[in-house]
């Protein structure tokens, strides 16, 4: 079976560093604009987010669909992507029949990469995200609670990615609060630009963004951008998530007496211990009567 992602770097860099490669899915019928317009209409409303694409890179990514509405309907937005200065994000398009087989193929490829890296055999909570953006649109600075493989199908874009775990870009307390979905946002800092790598890519290009690596995107001016990502966690990143949640709990409960937990990804045996304790505590809470 032909591989989807073509890169000699993948086994060495996977979930360690960002890297660009090529994908072999150009021309796939699921990614044609005509089909995407139908998918956007068929998906549950909670899976469809759309907003203005003319955002500063330090805007709140998670609230863009609330704070930066265009006043257009979804139908008008889709039909006028070249001129509406809009941004559409579709969560879990694999729910639509046109994406089911594509999702299975991508998942098999991701799990092959995971096995090559030695971070597990089964992807945790895998999902697709689809992005349709007007020329010049910006996806603001943010980071994700999972690993990503992003594929470009139409248009061009520049993606700026900073290394994960750099506390000069995202301090440890901010990262922990973000991971537990406390309502706090991760703020853009000028230190990001000093450390970020800029990737220019177009149709047929793909980009791997590691777990919690900060990034933002600027789409080209020539055409509508269509891109698709598969997101997932590995055995290793799931352990990081649990350790980050444990650190947040320790910092919240003991910070007033001066306790500062060792940041995650500094000392892996300690991370393993925190991860194990967090999992036991969470399961115990689930078993307790309400």
C-alpha atoms as a PDB file:
ATOM      1  CA  UNK A   1       0.000   0.000   0.000  1.00  0.00           C
ATOM      2  CA  UNK A   2       1.338   3.428  -0.950  1.00  0.00           C
ATOM      3  CA  UNK A   3       2.362   5.570   2.005  1.00  0.00           C
ATOM      4  CA  UNK A   4       0.496   8.830   2.634  1.00  0.00           C
ATOM      5  CA  UNK A   5       3.394  10.730   4.224  1.00  0.00           C
ATOM      6  CA  UNK A   6       6.733  10.685   2.417  1.00  0.00           C
ATOM      7  CA  UNK A   7       9.705  11.718   4.550  1.00  0.00           C
ATOM      8  CA  UNK A   8      12.963  10.138   5.603  1.00  0.00           C
ATOM      9  CA  UNK A   9      12.917  12.323   8.740  1.00  0.00           C
ATOM     10  CA  UNK A  10       9.647  11.011  10.171  1.00  0.00           C
ATOM     11  CA  UNK A  11      10.860   8.085  12.331  1.00  0.00           C
ATOM     12  CA  UNK A  12      13.587  10.229  13.934  1.00  0.00           C
ATOM     13  CA  UNK A  13      11.695  13.512  14.407  1.00  0.00           C
ATOM     14  CA  UNK A  14       8.156  12.272  15.032  1.00  0.00           C
ATOM     15  CA  UNK A  15       6.766  14.067  18.098  1.00  0.00           C
ATOM     16  CA  UNK A  16      10.215  15.440  18.897  1.00  0.00           C
ATOM     17  CA  UNK A  17      10.511  18.249  16.347  1.00  0.00           C
ATOM     18  CA  UNK A  18       8.353  19.844  13.690  1.00  0.00           C
ATOM     19  CA  UNK A  19       9.162  18.782  10.149  1.00  0.00           C
ATOM     20  CA  UNK A  20       7.790  19.237   6.641  1.00  0.00           C
ATOM     21  CA  UNK A  21       7.105  16.333   4.299  1.00  0.00           C
ATOM     22  CA  UNK A  22       4.882  15.466   1.333  1.00  0.00           C
ATOM     23  CA  UNK A  23       1.506  13.736   1.271  1.00  0.00           C
ATOM     24  CA  UNK A  24      -0.013  11.654  -1.518  1.00  0.00           C
ATOM     25  CA  UNK A  25      -3.689  12.633  -1.172  1.00  0.00           C
ATOM     26  CA  UNK A  26      -3.941  15.426  -3.749  1.00  0.00           C
ATOM     27  CA  UNK A  27      -7.060  14.959  -5.868  1.00  0.00           C
ATOM     28  CA  UNK A  28      -8.940  13.047  -3.187  1.00  0.00           C
ATOM     29  CA  UNK A  29     -12.644  13.715  -3.866  1.00  0.00           C
ATOM     30  CA  UNK A  30     -13.460  14.332  -0.201  1.00  0.00           C
ATOM     31  CA  UNK A  31     -11.307  17.489  -0.274  1.00  0.00           C
ATOM     32  CA  UNK A  32     -12.947  19.164  -3.260  1.00  0.00           C
ATOM     33  CA  UNK A  33     -14.757  22.411  -2.362  1.00  0.00           C
ATOM     34  CA  UNK A  34     -18.073  21.111  -3.689  1.00  0.00           C
ATOM     35  CA  UNK A  35     -17.964  18.158  -1.301  1.00  0.00           C
ATOM     36  CA  UNK A  36     -16.710  20.317   1.587  1.00  0.00           C
ATOM     37  CA  UNK A  37     -19.678  22.657   1.213  1.00  0.00           C
ATOM     38  CA  UNK A  38     -21.978  19.664   1.683  1.00  0.00           C
ATOM     39  CA  UNK A  39     -19.996  18.306   4.630  1.00  0.00           C
ATOM     40  CA  UNK A  40     -20.208  21.678   6.387  1.00  0.00           C
ATOM     41  CA  UNK A  41     -23.987  21.589   6.044  1.00  0.00           C
ATOM     42  CA  UNK A  42     -24.339  17.933   7.112  1.00  0.00           C
ATOM     43  CA  UNK A  43     -22.153  17.970  10.238  1.00  0.00           C
ATOM     44  CA  UNK A  44     -23.764  18.760  13.612  1.00  0.00           C
ATOM     45  CA  UNK A  45     -23.765  22.505  14.304  1.00  0.00           C
ATOM     46  CA  UNK A  46     -21.483  21.984  17.330  1.00  0.00           C
ATOM     47  CA  UNK A  47     -18.781  20.679  14.986  1.00  0.00           C
ATOM     48  CA  UNK A  48     -18.764  23.739  12.713  1.00  0.00           C
ATOM     49  CA  UNK A  49     -16.899  26.921  13.696  1.00  0.00           C
ATOM     50  CA  UNK A  50     -16.617  29.979  11.483  1.00  0.00           C
ATOM     51  CA  UNK A  51     -15.371  33.509  12.031  1.00  0.00           C
ATOM     52  CA  UNK A  52     -13.562  36.395  10.422  1.00  0.00           C
ATOM     53  CA  UNK A  53     -10.188  35.405   9.054  1.00  0.00           C
ATOM     54  CA  UNK A  54      -8.742  38.898   9.565  1.00  0.00           C
ATOM     55  CA  UNK A  55      -7.364  38.327  13.045  1.00  0.00           C
ATOM     56  CA  UNK A  56      -4.156  39.440  14.729  1.00  0.00           C
ATOM     57  CA  UNK A  57      -1.808  36.586  15.568  1.00  0.00           C
ATOM     58  CA  UNK A  58      -2.303  37.252  19.309  1.00  0.00           C
ATOM     59  CA  UNK A  59      -6.126  36.877  19.194  1.00  0.00           C
ATOM     60  CA  UNK A  60      -7.786  34.239  21.395  1.00  0.00           C
ATOM     61  CA  UNK A  61      -7.950  31.226  19.068  1.00  0.00           C
ATOM     62  CA  UNK A  62     -10.501  29.315  21.186  1.00  0.00           C
ATOM     63  CA  UNK A  63     -12.959  32.251  21.141  1.00  0.00           C
ATOM     64  CA  UNK A  64     -12.510  33.471  17.579  1.00  0.00           C
ATOM     65  CA  UNK A  65     -15.865  32.027  16.471  1.00  0.00           C
ATOM     66  CA  UNK A  66     -17.543  33.988  19.305  1.00  0.00           C
ATOM     67  CA  UNK A  67     -15.560  37.224  19.417  1.00  0.00           C
ATOM     68  CA  UNK A  68     -14.971  37.700  15.681  1.00  0.00           C
ATOM     69  CA  UNK A  69     -18.187  36.832  13.887  1.00  0.00           C
ATOM     70  CA  UNK A  70     -18.717  38.097  10.365  1.00  0.00           C
ATOM     71  CA  UNK A  71     -22.512  38.273  10.417  1.00  0.00           C
ATOM     72  CA  UNK A  72     -22.686  35.874   7.465  1.00  0.00           C
ATOM     73  CA  UNK A  73     -24.521  32.566   7.494  1.00  0.00           C
ATOM     74  CA  UNK A  74     -22.521  29.375   7.033  1.00  0.00           C
ATOM     75  CA  UNK A  75     -23.994  28.981   3.536  1.00  0.00           C
ATOM     76  CA  UNK A  76     -22.977  32.511   2.496  1.00  0.00           C
ATOM     77  CA  UNK A  77     -19.554  32.035   4.050  1.00  0.00           C
ATOM     78  CA  UNK A  78     -18.880  28.825   2.105  1.00  0.00           C
ATOM     79  CA  UNK A  79     -20.155  30.252  -1.181  1.00  0.00           C
ATOM     80  CA  UNK A  80     -18.048  33.422  -0.917  1.00  0.00           C
ATOM     81  CA  UNK A  81     -14.758  32.192   0.547  1.00  0.00           C
ATOM     82  CA  UNK A  82     -12.648  34.156  -1.954  1.00  0.00           C
ATOM     83  CA  UNK A  83     -14.077  37.502  -0.832  1.00  0.00           C
ATOM     84  CA  UNK A  84     -15.691  37.047   2.610  1.00  0.00           C
ATOM     85  CA  UNK A  85     -12.446  37.220   4.670  1.00  0.00           C
ATOM     86  CA  UNK A  86     -13.644  34.161   6.579  1.00  0.00           C
ATOM     87  CA  UNK A  87     -12.278  31.116   8.322  1.00  0.00           C
ATOM     88  CA  UNK A  88     -14.128  27.808   8.748  1.00  0.00           C
ATOM     89  CA  UNK A  89     -13.074  24.922  10.969  1.00  0.00           C
ATOM     90  CA  UNK A  90     -14.884  21.577  10.838  1.00  0.00           C
ATOM     91  CA  UNK A  91     -14.339  19.191  13.736  1.00  0.00           C
ATOM     92  CA  UNK A  92     -14.493  15.434  13.128  1.00  0.00           C
ATOM     93  CA  UNK A  93     -15.508  15.455   9.433  1.00  0.00           C
ATOM     94  CA  UNK A  94     -14.900  11.686   9.535  1.00  0.00           C
ATOM     95  CA  UNK A  95     -18.509  11.495  10.750  1.00  0.00           C
ATOM     96  CA  UNK A  96     -19.473  12.185   7.133  1.00  0.00           C
ATOM     97  CA  UNK A  97     -19.447   9.134   4.807  1.00  0.00           C
ATOM     98  CA  UNK A  98     -17.154  10.907   2.316  1.00  0.00           C
ATOM     99  CA  UNK A  99     -14.345  11.023   4.912  1.00  0.00           C
ATOM    100  CA  UNK A 100     -14.658   7.620   6.604  1.00  0.00           C
ATOM    101  CA  UNK A 101     -12.252   5.662   4.402  1.00  0.00           C
ATOM    102  CA  UNK A 102      -9.767   8.544   4.317  1.00  0.00           C
ATOM    103  CA  UNK A 103      -9.784   8.688   8.117  1.00  0.00           C
ATOM    104  CA  UNK A 104      -9.066   4.952   8.381  1.00  0.00           C
ATOM    105  CA  UNK A 105      -6.104   5.256   6.003  1.00  0.00           C
ATOM    106  CA  UNK A 106      -4.658   8.264   7.861  1.00  0.00           C
ATOM    107  CA  UNK A 107      -5.058   6.570  11.217  1.00  0.00           C
ATOM    108  CA  UNK A 108      -3.225   3.470   9.991  1.00  0.00           C
ATOM    109  CA  UNK A 109      -0.350   5.670   8.792  1.00  0.00           C
ATOM    110  CA  UNK A 110      -0.180   7.577  12.101  1.00  0.00           C
ATOM    111  CA  UNK A 111      -0.054   4.359  14.071  1.00  0.00           C
ATOM    112  CA  UNK A 112       2.744   3.097  11.825  1.00  0.00           C
ATOM    113  CA  UNK A 113       4.741   6.258  12.630  1.00  0.00           C
ATOM    114  CA  UNK A 114       4.018   5.790  16.338  1.00  0.00           C
ATOM    115  CA  UNK A 115       5.345   2.241  16.242  1.00  0.00           C
ATOM    116  CA  UNK A 116       8.507   3.370  14.434  1.00  0.00           C
ATOM    117  CA  UNK A 117       9.109   5.959  17.172  1.00  0.00           C
ATOM    118  CA  UNK A 118       8.326   3.478  19.955  1.00  0.00           C
ATOM    119  CA  UNK A 119       5.496   5.526  21.485  1.00  0.00           C
ATOM    120  CA  UNK A 120       2.720   2.953  21.293  1.00  0.00           C
ATOM    121  CA  UNK A 121       0.669   1.039  18.748  1.00  0.00           C
ATOM    122  CA  UNK A 122      -2.761   2.650  19.076  1.00  0.00           C
ATOM    123  CA  UNK A 123      -3.508   6.372  18.684  1.00  0.00           C
ATOM    124  CA  UNK A 124      -5.435   7.891  21.594  1.00  0.00           C
ATOM    125  CA  UNK A 125      -8.549   9.918  20.691  1.00  0.00           C
ATOM    126  CA  UNK A 126      -7.689  10.430  16.991  1.00  0.00           C
ATOM    127  CA  UNK A 127      -9.794  12.918  15.052  1.00  0.00           C
ATOM    128  CA  UNK A 128      -9.758  14.956  11.845  1.00  0.00           C
ATOM    129  CA  UNK A 129     -10.013  18.740  11.603  1.00  0.00           C
ATOM    130  CA  UNK A 130     -10.726  20.511   8.329  1.00  0.00           C
ATOM    131  CA  UNK A 131      -9.842  24.152   7.649  1.00  0.00           C
ATOM    132  CA  UNK A 132     -11.197  26.359   4.848  1.00  0.00           C
ATOM    133  CA  UNK A 133      -9.855  29.916   4.844  1.00  0.00           C
ATOM    134  CA  UNK A 134     -10.164  33.022   2.694  1.00  0.00           C
ATOM    135  CA  UNK A 135      -6.983  34.505   1.202  1.00  0.00           C
ATOM    136  CA  UNK A 136      -4.912  36.292   3.828  1.00  0.00           C
ATOM    137  CA  UNK A 137      -6.664  34.659   6.798  1.00  0.00           C
ATOM    138  CA  UNK A 138      -4.768  34.157  10.051  1.00  0.00           C
ATOM    139  CA  UNK A 139      -5.054  31.302  12.532  1.00  0.00           C
ATOM    140  CA  UNK A 140      -3.894  33.009  15.753  1.00  0.00           C
ATOM    141  CA  UNK A 141      -1.081  31.846  18.020  1.00  0.00           C
ATOM    142  CA  UNK A 142      -2.092  28.750  19.990  1.00  0.00           C
ATOM    143  CA  UNK A 143      -1.000  25.287  20.989  1.00  0.00           C
ATOM    144  CA  UNK A 144      -2.799  21.950  20.984  1.00  0.00           C
ATOM    145  CA  UNK A 145      -3.288  19.197  23.554  1.00  0.00           C
ATOM    146  CA  UNK A 146      -2.299  16.591  20.973  1.00  0.00           C
ATOM    147  CA  UNK A 147       0.076  15.879  18.104  1.00  0.00           C
ATOM    148  CA  UNK A 148      -0.822  16.954  14.582  1.00  0.00           C
ATOM    149  CA  UNK A 149      -0.131  16.070  10.970  1.00  0.00           C
ATOM    150  CA  UNK A 150      -1.372  18.939   8.780  1.00  0.00           C
ATOM    151  CA  UNK A 151      -1.895  18.482   5.012  1.00  0.00           C
ATOM    152  CA  UNK A 152      -2.387  21.221   2.411  1.00  0.00           C
ATOM    153  CA  UNK A 153      -4.768  20.658  -0.535  1.00  0.00           C
ATOM    154  CA  UNK A 154      -5.423  24.108  -2.005  1.00  0.00           C
ATOM    155  CA  UNK A 155      -3.799  27.500  -1.635  1.00  0.00           C
ATOM    156  CA  UNK A 156      -0.574  28.340   0.143  1.00  0.00           C
ATOM    157  CA  UNK A 157       0.259  29.204   3.738  1.00  0.00           C
ATOM    158  CA  UNK A 158       3.088  29.923   6.141  1.00  0.00           C
ATOM    159  CA  UNK A 159       3.080  28.099   9.465  1.00  0.00           C
ATOM    160  CA  UNK A 160       5.295  29.371  12.274  1.00  0.00           C
ATOM    161  CA  UNK A 161       6.145  26.664  14.836  1.00  0.00           C
ATOM    162  CA  UNK A 162       8.144  27.048  18.035  1.00  0.00           C
ATOM    163  CA  UNK A 163       9.646  24.077  19.898  1.00  0.00           C
ATOM    164  CA  UNK A 164       7.461  22.494  22.557  1.00  0.00           C
ATOM    165  CA  UNK A 165       8.296  22.877  26.260  1.00  0.00           C
ATOM    166  CA  UNK A 166      10.113  26.225  25.856  1.00  0.00           C
ATOM    167  CA  UNK A 167       9.188  28.066  29.059  1.00  0.00           C
ATOM    168  CA  UNK A 168      10.338  31.391  27.614  1.00  0.00           C
ATOM    169  CA  UNK A 169       7.457  31.078  25.130  1.00  0.00           C
ATOM    170  CA  UNK A 170       4.863  29.317  27.319  1.00  0.00           C
ATOM    171  CA  UNK A 171       5.628  29.263  31.071  1.00  0.00           C
ATOM    172  CA  UNK A 172       4.929  25.961  32.837  1.00  0.00           C
ATOM    173  CA  UNK A 173       1.980  27.279  34.929  1.00  0.00           C
ATOM    174  CA  UNK A 174       0.293  28.624  31.775  1.00  0.00           C
ATOM    175  CA  UNK A 175       0.760  25.314  29.957  1.00  0.00           C
ATOM    176  CA  UNK A 176      -0.684  23.353  32.893  1.00  0.00           C
ATOM    177  CA  UNK A 177      -3.716  25.643  33.179  1.00  0.00           C
ATOM    178  CA  UNK A 178      -4.360  25.383  29.453  1.00  0.00           C
ATOM    179  CA  UNK A 179      -4.188  21.586  29.443  1.00  0.00           C
ATOM    180  CA  UNK A 180      -6.774  21.235  32.234  1.00  0.00           C
ATOM    181  CA  UNK A 181      -9.128  23.596  30.357  1.00  0.00           C
ATOM    182  CA  UNK A 182      -9.305  26.018  33.279  1.00  0.00           C
ATOM    183  CA  UNK A 183     -10.546  28.801  31.004  1.00  0.00           C
ATOM    184  CA  UNK A 184      -7.170  30.522  30.828  1.00  0.00           C
ATOM    185  CA  UNK A 185      -5.522  31.159  27.472  1.00  0.00           C
ATOM    186  CA  UNK A 186      -1.917  30.835  26.384  1.00  0.00           C
ATOM    187  CA  UNK A 187      -0.771  34.330  25.483  1.00  0.00           C
ATOM    188  CA  UNK A 188       1.476  35.272  22.580  1.00  0.00           C
ATOM    189  CA  UNK A 189       4.941  36.487  23.638  1.00  0.00           C
ATOM    190  CA  UNK A 190       7.589  38.164  21.515  1.00  0.00           C
ATOM    191  CA  UNK A 191       9.980  35.339  22.473  1.00  0.00           C
ATOM    192  CA  UNK A 192       7.963  33.089  20.129  1.00  0.00           C
ATOM    193  CA  UNK A 193       9.247  34.849  17.002  1.00  0.00           C
ATOM    194  CA  UNK A 194      12.851  34.399  18.115  1.00  0.00           C
ATOM    195  CA  UNK A 195      12.495  30.621  18.356  1.00  0.00           C
ATOM    196  CA  UNK A 196       9.898  29.779  15.677  1.00  0.00           C
ATOM    197  CA  UNK A 197      10.618  28.032  12.388  1.00  0.00           C
ATOM    198  CA  UNK A 198       8.671  29.328   9.371  1.00  0.00           C
ATOM    199  CA  UNK A 199       7.360  26.667   6.997  1.00  0.00           C
ATOM    200  CA  UNK A 200       6.095  27.792   3.585  1.00  0.00           C
ATOM    201  CA  UNK A 201       3.977  25.172   1.906  1.00  0.00           C
ATOM    202  CA  UNK A 202       1.310  24.519  -0.679  1.00  0.00           C
ATOM    203  CA  UNK A 203      -0.725  21.682  -2.188  1.00  0.00           C
ATOM    204  CA  UNK A 204       0.888  18.310  -1.529  1.00  0.00           C
ATOM    205  CA  UNK A 205       2.912  19.532   1.450  1.00  0.00           C
ATOM    206  CA  UNK A 206       2.381  18.318   4.997  1.00  0.00           C
ATOM    207  CA  UNK A 207       3.689  19.431   8.363  1.00  0.00           C
ATOM    208  CA  UNK A 208       4.108  17.590  11.640  1.00  0.00           C
ATOM    209  CA  UNK A 209       3.440  19.767  14.712  1.00  0.00           C
ATOM    210  CA  UNK A 210       4.480  18.007  17.937  1.00  0.00           C
ATOM    211  CA  UNK A 211       2.395  17.857  21.097  1.00  0.00           C
ATOM    212  CA  UNK A 212       1.971  21.340  22.730  1.00  0.00           C
ATOM    213  CA  UNK A 213       4.279  23.040  20.201  1.00  0.00           C
ATOM    214  CA  UNK A 214       3.117  26.703  19.867  1.00  0.00           C
ATOM    215  CA  UNK A 215       2.244  27.864  16.349  1.00  0.00           C
ATOM    216  CA  UNK A 216       0.236  30.246  14.182  1.00  0.00           C
ATOM    217  CA  UNK A 217      -0.720  30.288  10.496  1.00  0.00           C
ATOM    218  CA  UNK A 218      -0.903  32.981   7.797  1.00  0.00           C
ATOM    219  CA  UNK A 219      -2.648  31.960   4.566  1.00  0.00           C
ATOM    220  CA  UNK A 220      -1.478  33.212   1.183  1.00  0.00           C
ATOM    221  CA  UNK A 221      -3.235  36.000  -0.718  1.00  0.00           C
ATOM    222  CA  UNK A 222      -3.790  34.184  -4.024  1.00  0.00           C
ATOM    223  CA  UNK A 223      -6.443  31.571  -3.298  1.00  0.00           C
ATOM    224  CA  UNK A 224      -8.739  29.926  -0.782  1.00  0.00           C
ATOM    225  CA  UNK A 225      -6.810  27.595   1.510  1.00  0.00           C
ATOM    226  CA  UNK A 226      -8.038  24.048   2.171  1.00  0.00           C
ATOM    227  CA  UNK A 227      -6.139  21.928   4.666  1.00  0.00           C
ATOM    228  CA  UNK A 228      -6.818  18.842   6.749  1.00  0.00           C
ATOM    229  CA  UNK A 229      -5.197  17.644   9.942  1.00  0.00           C
ATOM    230  CA  UNK A 230      -5.297  14.410  11.860  1.00  0.00           C
ATOM    231  CA  UNK A 231      -4.813  14.912  15.584  1.00  0.00           C
ATOM    232  CA  UNK A 232      -4.029  12.234  18.162  1.00  0.00           C
ATOM    233  CA  UNK A 233      -2.199  11.397  21.349  1.00  0.00           C
ATOM    234  CA  UNK A 234       0.376   8.661  21.812  1.00  0.00           C
ATOM    235  CA  UNK A 235       1.152   6.604  24.891  1.00  0.00           C
ATOM    236  CA  UNK A 236       3.868   9.174  25.655  1.00  0.00           C
ATOM    237  CA  UNK A 237       1.802  12.347  25.140  1.00  0.00           C
ATOM    238  CA  UNK A 238      -1.115  10.865  27.118  1.00  0.00           C
ATOM    239  CA  UNK A 239       1.365  10.410  29.974  1.00  0.00           C
ATOM    240  CA  UNK A 240       2.456  14.036  29.561  1.00  0.00           C
ATOM    241  CA  UNK A 241      -1.182  15.159  29.760  1.00  0.00           C
ATOM    242  CA  UNK A 242      -1.720  13.322  33.033  1.00  0.00           C
ATOM    243  CA  UNK A 243       1.505  14.730  34.493  1.00  0.00           C
ATOM    244  CA  UNK A 244       0.490  18.262  33.459  1.00  0.00           C
ATOM    245  CA  UNK A 245      -2.886  17.815  35.159  1.00  0.00           C
ATOM    246  CA  UNK A 246      -1.120  16.557  38.293  1.00  0.00           C
ATOM    247  CA  UNK A 247       1.202  19.576  38.305  1.00  0.00           C
ATOM    248  CA  UNK A 248      -1.750  21.942  37.956  1.00  0.00           C
ATOM    249  CA  UNK A 249      -3.460  20.317  40.950  1.00  0.00           C
ATOM    250  CA  UNK A 250      -0.263  20.509  43.029  1.00  0.00           C
ATOM    251  CA  UNK A 251       0.362  24.121  42.065  1.00  0.00           C
ATOM    252  CA  UNK A 252      -3.256  25.100  42.852  1.00  0.00           C
ATOM    253  CA  UNK A 253      -3.378  23.374  46.230  1.00  0.00           C
ATOM    254  CA  UNK A 254       0.152  23.992  47.502  1.00  0.00           C
ATOM    255  CA  UNK A 255       1.238  27.146  45.701  1.00  0.00           C
ATOM    256  CA  UNK A 256       0.102  29.374  48.576  1.00  0.00           C
ATOM    257  CA  UNK A 257       2.695  27.736  50.850  1.00  0.00           C
ATOM    258  CA  UNK A 258       5.432  28.261  48.286  1.00  0.00           C
ATOM    259  CA  UNK A 259       5.466  24.845  46.613  1.00  0.00           C
ATOM    260  CA  UNK A 260       6.485  24.852  42.949  1.00  0.00           C
ATOM    261  CA  UNK A 261       6.301  21.475  41.178  1.00  0.00           C
ATOM    262  CA  UNK A 262       9.057  20.469  38.790  1.00  0.00           C
ATOM    263  CA  UNK A 263       7.811  21.303  35.260  1.00  0.00           C
ATOM    264  CA  UNK A 264       6.796  18.376  33.101  1.00  0.00           C
ATOM    265  CA  UNK A 265       9.365  17.012  30.618  1.00  0.00           C
ATOM    266  CA  UNK A 266      12.286  17.917  32.877  1.00  0.00           C
ATOM    267  CA  UNK A 267      12.657  14.528  34.654  1.00  0.00           C
ATOM    268  CA  UNK A 268      10.808  11.647  33.031  1.00  0.00           C
ATOM    269  CA  UNK A 269      10.749   9.243  36.021  1.00  0.00           C
ATOM    270  CA  UNK A 270       8.998  11.956  38.040  1.00  0.00           C
ATOM    271  CA  UNK A 271       6.556  12.527  35.171  1.00  0.00           C
ATOM    272  CA  UNK A 272       5.762   8.799  35.130  1.00  0.00           C
ATOM    273  CA  UNK A 273       5.037   8.878  38.854  1.00  0.00           C
ATOM    274  CA  UNK A 274       2.774  11.958  38.557  1.00  0.00           C
ATOM    275  CA  UNK A 275       0.978  10.395  35.607  1.00  0.00           C
ATOM    276  CA  UNK A 276       0.311   7.201  37.536  1.00  0.00           C
ATOM    277  CA  UNK A 277      -0.976   9.029  40.607  1.00  0.00           C
ATOM    278  CA  UNK A 278      -3.230  11.285  38.517  1.00  0.00           C
ATOM    279  CA  UNK A 279      -4.740   8.274  36.776  1.00  0.00           C
ATOM    280  CA  UNK A 280      -5.431   6.496  40.081  1.00  0.00           C
ATOM    281  CA  UNK A 281      -7.017   9.613  41.625  1.00  0.00           C
ATOM    282  CA  UNK A 282      -9.179  10.239  38.566  1.00  0.00           C
ATOM    283  CA  UNK A 283     -10.432   6.654  38.490  1.00  0.00           C
ATOM    284  CA  UNK A 284     -11.176   6.751  42.221  1.00  0.00           C
ATOM    285  CA  UNK A 285     -13.247   9.895  41.749  1.00  0.00           C
ATOM    286  CA  UNK A 286     -15.213   8.205  38.980  1.00  0.00           C
ATOM    287  CA  UNK A 287     -16.071   5.330  41.311  1.00  0.00           C
ATOM    288  CA  UNK A 288     -17.188   7.524  44.187  1.00  0.00           C
ATOM    289  CA  UNK A 289     -20.954   8.154  44.465  1.00  0.00           C
ATOM    290  CA  UNK A 290     -22.064  11.565  43.212  1.00  0.00           C
END
